């Protein structure tokens, strides 16, 4: 009887907890700092926790700093404190993955060269006639130093590079840390997939075919499939 009453009181107290009462405490900050320190091999020097519910950014890393947005939309979409905490740990794992494996300086150098009309570190080698045709078409704008077109090239290349890099670092972190880090990363990935529009929705609302193509790339990278309900509609993207 006493045990049942004790559990009832514990549940009642637990229901009073809010994300702010848990995630904004020094103890939770210490927990995430300890995890971040561990999964970066003791190299993480600064962990910044902040709460911006209006931002579309869940976290970021810059130099020696990793940041996690406690109020991000992905974490907020989960219903329980346990799931929200798993989500935050997944975001921390993702950003620490960038800290470990992403060469930001190299990516910045590549972007600067492309925007200035040059390939870095060298021009890609086409593997077939279709790729050669595409490369020749791109080089026309490289030679012209056409800033408007080059910015589109860079936007597309950066999106695809970020997407591939995200998948790479997440797979590395999931393999290294198959517990809470992997669970949080995969939870957040599944939620992102749920929010991606279907191909039909994109074709009905989005006129920009490049944006549709990049969204399809995201679908495939995140879930190994594309939500294409009609092969005839898919062909519209090719032509």
Protein backbone atom coordinates (compact mmCIF):
# COMPACT_ATOMS: atom_id res chain seq x y z
CA UNK A 1 0.00 0.00 0.00
CA UNK A 2 2.79 2.39 0.92
CA UNK A 3 4.66 1.55 -2.31
CA UNK A 4 1.56 2.24 -4.40
CA UNK A 5 1.03 5.58 -2.63
CA UNK A 6 4.69 6.46 -3.12
CA UNK A 7 4.49 5.72 -6.86
CA UNK A 8 1.33 7.80 -7.12
CA UNK A 9 3.03 10.76 -5.46
CA UNK A 10 6.09 10.35 -7.68
CA UNK A 11 3.92 10.37 -10.81
CA UNK A 12 2.09 13.46 -9.56
CA UNK A 13 5.36 15.29 -8.97
CA UNK A 14 6.67 14.17 -12.34
CA UNK A 15 3.63 15.58 -14.10
CA UNK A 16 4.45 18.98 -12.64
CA UNK A 17 7.80 19.05 -14.42
CA UNK A 18 8.14 21.19 -17.54
CA UNK A 19 10.95 21.32 -20.11
CA UNK A 20 12.06 24.64 -18.62
CA UNK A 21 12.27 23.14 -15.12
CA UNK A 22 14.47 20.31 -16.39
CA UNK A 23 16.49 21.51 -19.38
CA UNK A 24 17.32 24.97 -18.05
CA UNK A 25 18.95 23.71 -14.88
CA UNK A 26 22.69 23.68 -14.13
CA UNK A 27 22.42 19.93 -13.59
CA UNK A 28 21.14 19.31 -17.12
CA UNK A 29 23.78 21.62 -18.55
CA UNK A 30 26.41 19.61 -16.67
CA UNK A 31 24.94 16.38 -18.06
CA UNK A 32 25.11 17.55 -21.68
CA UNK A 33 28.56 19.04 -21.14
CA UNK A 34 29.79 15.74 -19.76
CA UNK A 35 28.31 13.83 -22.72
CA UNK A 36 29.78 16.31 -25.21
CA UNK A 37 33.19 16.05 -23.56
CA UNK A 38 33.04 12.26 -23.72
CA UNK A 39 31.93 11.88 -27.36
CA UNK A 40 34.52 14.35 -28.65
CA UNK A 41 37.33 12.47 -26.97
CA UNK A 42 37.71 15.12 -24.29
CA UNK A 43 38.30 17.89 -26.84
CA UNK A 44 35.09 19.91 -26.60
CA UNK A 45 35.86 23.16 -24.82
CA UNK A 46 32.59 25.11 -24.97
CA UNK A 47 28.96 23.94 -24.99
CA UNK A 48 26.34 26.65 -25.41
CA UNK A 49 22.72 25.94 -24.54
CA UNK A 50 20.10 28.50 -25.55
CA UNK A 51 16.35 28.64 -26.10
CA UNK A 52 15.01 30.11 -29.35
CA UNK A 53 11.61 28.71 -30.25
CA UNK A 54 11.37 30.89 -33.37
CA UNK A 55 14.57 29.58 -34.92
CA UNK A 56 14.62 26.77 -37.45
CA UNK A 57 18.09 25.79 -36.25
CA UNK A 58 18.38 22.89 -33.80
CA UNK A 59 22.10 23.32 -33.16
CA UNK A 60 25.39 24.42 -34.65
CA UNK A 61 29.11 24.24 -34.18
CA UNK A 62 31.74 26.86 -34.86
CA UNK A 63 35.39 26.52 -34.00
CA UNK A 64 35.67 25.29 -30.43
CA UNK A 65 31.97 25.84 -29.65
CA UNK A 66 29.05 23.43 -29.98
CA UNK A 67 25.56 24.87 -29.44
CA UNK A 68 22.19 23.21 -28.85
CA UNK A 69 18.88 25.08 -29.14
CA UNK A 70 16.74 23.78 -26.26
CA UNK A 71 13.61 25.25 -27.84
CA UNK A 72 14.11 23.80 -31.32
CA UNK A 73 11.06 22.62 -33.25
CA UNK A 74 12.12 18.98 -33.51
CA UNK A 75 12.57 18.50 -29.76
CA UNK A 76 9.41 20.49 -29.02
CA UNK A 77 7.38 18.13 -31.21
CA UNK A 78 7.99 15.17 -28.90
CA UNK A 79 5.44 14.76 -26.11
CA UNK A 80 7.33 13.46 -23.09
CA UNK A 81 10.33 14.80 -21.20
CA UNK A 82 12.16 11.53 -21.81
CA UNK A 83 11.73 11.79 -25.59
CA UNK A 84 12.60 15.49 -25.56
CA UNK A 85 15.80 14.70 -23.67
CA UNK A 86 16.68 11.94 -26.15
CA UNK A 87 16.13 14.43 -28.96
CA UNK A 88 18.46 17.00 -27.38
CA UNK A 89 21.12 14.34 -26.85
CA UNK A 90 20.72 13.39 -30.53
CA UNK A 91 21.24 17.01 -31.58
CA UNK A 92 24.29 17.20 -29.34
CA UNK A 93 25.60 14.00 -30.92
CA UNK A 94 25.03 15.40 -34.41
CA UNK A 95 26.84 18.66 -33.70
CA UNK A 96 29.70 16.87 -31.93
CA UNK A 97 29.93 14.70 -35.04
CA UNK A 98 30.57 17.84 -37.07
CA UNK A 99 33.10 18.87 -34.44
CA UNK A 100 34.93 15.56 -34.91
CA UNK A 101 34.66 14.97 -38.65
CA UNK A 102 33.74 18.12 -40.60
CA UNK A 103 36.52 20.20 -42.13
CA UNK A 104 34.80 23.60 -42.10
CA UNK A 105 37.86 25.44 -43.39
CA UNK A 106 38.07 23.18 -46.45
CA UNK A 107 34.37 23.60 -47.20
CA UNK A 108 34.68 27.37 -46.91
CA UNK A 109 37.63 27.36 -49.34
CA UNK A 110 35.64 25.28 -51.84
CA UNK A 111 32.70 27.70 -51.62
CA UNK A 112 34.90 30.77 -52.08
CA UNK A 113 36.50 29.29 -55.19
CA UNK A 114 33.16 28.34 -56.73
CA UNK A 115 31.71 31.79 -56.14
CA UNK A 116 34.78 33.25 -57.86
CA UNK A 117 34.41 30.96 -60.87
CA UNK A 118 37.05 28.32 -60.21
CA UNK A 119 37.05 24.69 -59.11
CA UNK A 120 38.71 23.63 -55.88
CA UNK A 121 40.89 21.68 -55.49
CA UNK A 122 40.57 20.80 -59.18
CA UNK A 123 37.98 20.47 -61.89
CA UNK A 124 35.90 17.28 -61.60
CA UNK A 125 36.49 14.53 -64.13
CA UNK A 126 33.27 13.48 -65.94
CA UNK A 127 32.63 9.74 -66.08
CA UNK A 128 30.26 9.71 -69.05
CA UNK A 129 28.97 11.86 -71.90
CA UNK A 130 26.07 13.24 -69.85
CA UNK A 131 28.38 14.41 -67.08
CA UNK A 132 30.75 15.98 -69.62
CA UNK A 133 27.88 17.89 -71.19
CA UNK A 134 26.82 19.19 -67.78
CA UNK A 135 30.39 20.13 -66.86
CA UNK A 136 30.89 22.00 -70.13
CA UNK A 137 27.67 23.92 -69.53
CA UNK A 138 28.79 24.88 -66.02
CA UNK A 139 32.25 25.93 -67.21
CA UNK A 140 30.66 28.47 -69.54
CA UNK A 141 29.40 30.38 -66.49
CA UNK A 142 32.66 29.79 -64.62
CA UNK A 143 34.55 31.47 -67.47
CA UNK A 144 32.08 34.36 -67.56
CA UNK A 145 32.34 34.80 -63.76
CA UNK A 146 28.55 35.11 -63.77
CA UNK A 147 27.85 35.84 -60.10
CA UNK A 148 24.11 35.20 -60.34
CA UNK A 149 24.50 31.72 -61.84
CA UNK A 150 27.52 30.90 -59.72
CA UNK A 151 25.53 31.69 -56.58
CA UNK A 152 22.91 29.15 -57.70
CA UNK A 153 25.65 26.59 -58.33
CA UNK A 154 27.03 27.27 -54.86
CA UNK A 155 23.63 27.09 -53.19
CA UNK A 156 22.98 23.71 -54.80
CA UNK A 157 26.46 22.35 -54.13
CA UNK A 158 26.34 23.53 -50.51
CA UNK A 159 22.96 21.92 -49.93
CA UNK A 160 24.09 18.57 -51.33
CA UNK A 161 27.43 18.78 -49.51
CA UNK A 162 25.70 19.52 -46.20
CA UNK A 163 23.23 16.71 -46.74
CA UNK A 164 25.91 14.13 -47.52
CA UNK A 165 28.08 15.39 -44.70
CA UNK A 166 25.19 15.17 -42.23
CA UNK A 167 24.53 11.56 -43.21
CA UNK A 168 28.22 10.70 -42.96
CA UNK A 169 28.78 12.16 -39.51
CA UNK A 170 25.52 10.71 -38.18
CA UNK A 171 26.43 7.21 -39.34
CA UNK A 172 29.87 7.60 -37.75
CA UNK A 173 28.41 8.78 -34.44
CA UNK A 174 25.71 6.09 -34.41
CA UNK A 175 28.37 3.41 -34.94
CA UNK A 176 30.62 4.83 -32.22
CA UNK A 177 27.85 5.48 -29.69
CA UNK A 178 25.02 2.94 -30.15
CA UNK A 179 23.12 4.00 -27.01
CA UNK A 180 21.44 7.33 -26.35
CA UNK A 181 23.38 9.17 -29.08
CA UNK A 182 22.20 6.77 -31.77
CA UNK A 183 18.65 6.71 -30.39
CA UNK A 184 18.41 10.51 -30.38
CA UNK A 185 19.92 10.93 -33.83
CA UNK A 186 17.57 8.39 -35.41
CA UNK A 187 14.53 9.84 -33.61
CA UNK A 188 15.29 13.29 -34.96
CA UNK A 189 15.96 11.91 -38.42
CA UNK A 190 12.60 10.10 -38.47
CA UNK A 191 10.81 13.28 -37.39
CA UNK A 192 12.49 15.24 -40.17
CA UNK A 193 11.35 12.63 -42.69
CA UNK A 194 7.77 12.92 -41.42
CA UNK A 195 7.83 16.66 -42.05
CA UNK A 196 9.15 16.48 -45.61
CA UNK A 197 6.43 17.18 -48.19
CA UNK A 198 5.39 14.45 -50.60
CA UNK A 199 6.29 14.74 -54.27
CA UNK A 200 2.66 15.42 -55.11
CA UNK A 201 2.49 18.27 -52.59
CA UNK A 202 5.70 19.78 -53.94
CA UNK A 203 4.55 19.64 -57.55
CA UNK A 204 1.26 21.30 -56.61
CA UNK A 205 2.80 24.12 -54.56
CA UNK A 206 6.42 24.57 -55.68
CA UNK A 207 7.26 25.91 -59.13
CA UNK A 208 11.01 25.73 -58.65
CA UNK A 209 12.09 22.32 -59.96
CA UNK A 210 15.54 22.66 -58.39
CA UNK A 211 14.01 23.01 -54.93
CA UNK A 212 11.88 19.93 -55.59
CA UNK A 213 14.92 17.95 -56.69
CA UNK A 214 16.86 18.93 -53.56
CA UNK A 215 13.92 17.96 -51.35
CA UNK A 216 13.83 14.56 -53.05
CA UNK A 217 17.56 14.18 -52.38
CA UNK A 218 16.86 14.90 -48.71
CA UNK A 219 14.08 12.31 -48.63
CA UNK A 220 16.34 9.66 -50.10
CA UNK A 221 19.30 10.51 -47.86
CA UNK A 222 17.20 10.46 -44.69
CA UNK A 223 15.02 7.43 -45.41
CA UNK A 224 16.56 5.55 -48.40
CA UNK A 225 13.37 6.13 -50.37
CA UNK A 226 11.48 8.84 -52.22
CA UNK A 227 7.78 9.42 -51.64
CA UNK A 228 6.93 9.35 -55.36
CA UNK A 229 3.40 8.09 -55.73
CA UNK A 230 3.25 8.33 -59.56
CA UNK A 231 6.07 7.50 -61.99
CA UNK A 232 4.56 9.76 -64.64
CA UNK A 233 4.80 12.74 -62.25
CA UNK A 234 8.41 11.87 -61.44
CA UNK A 235 9.25 12.08 -65.13
CA UNK A 236 8.24 15.76 -65.11
CA UNK A 237 11.34 16.49 -63.05
CA UNK A 238 13.60 14.82 -65.57
CA UNK A 239 12.20 16.65 -68.55
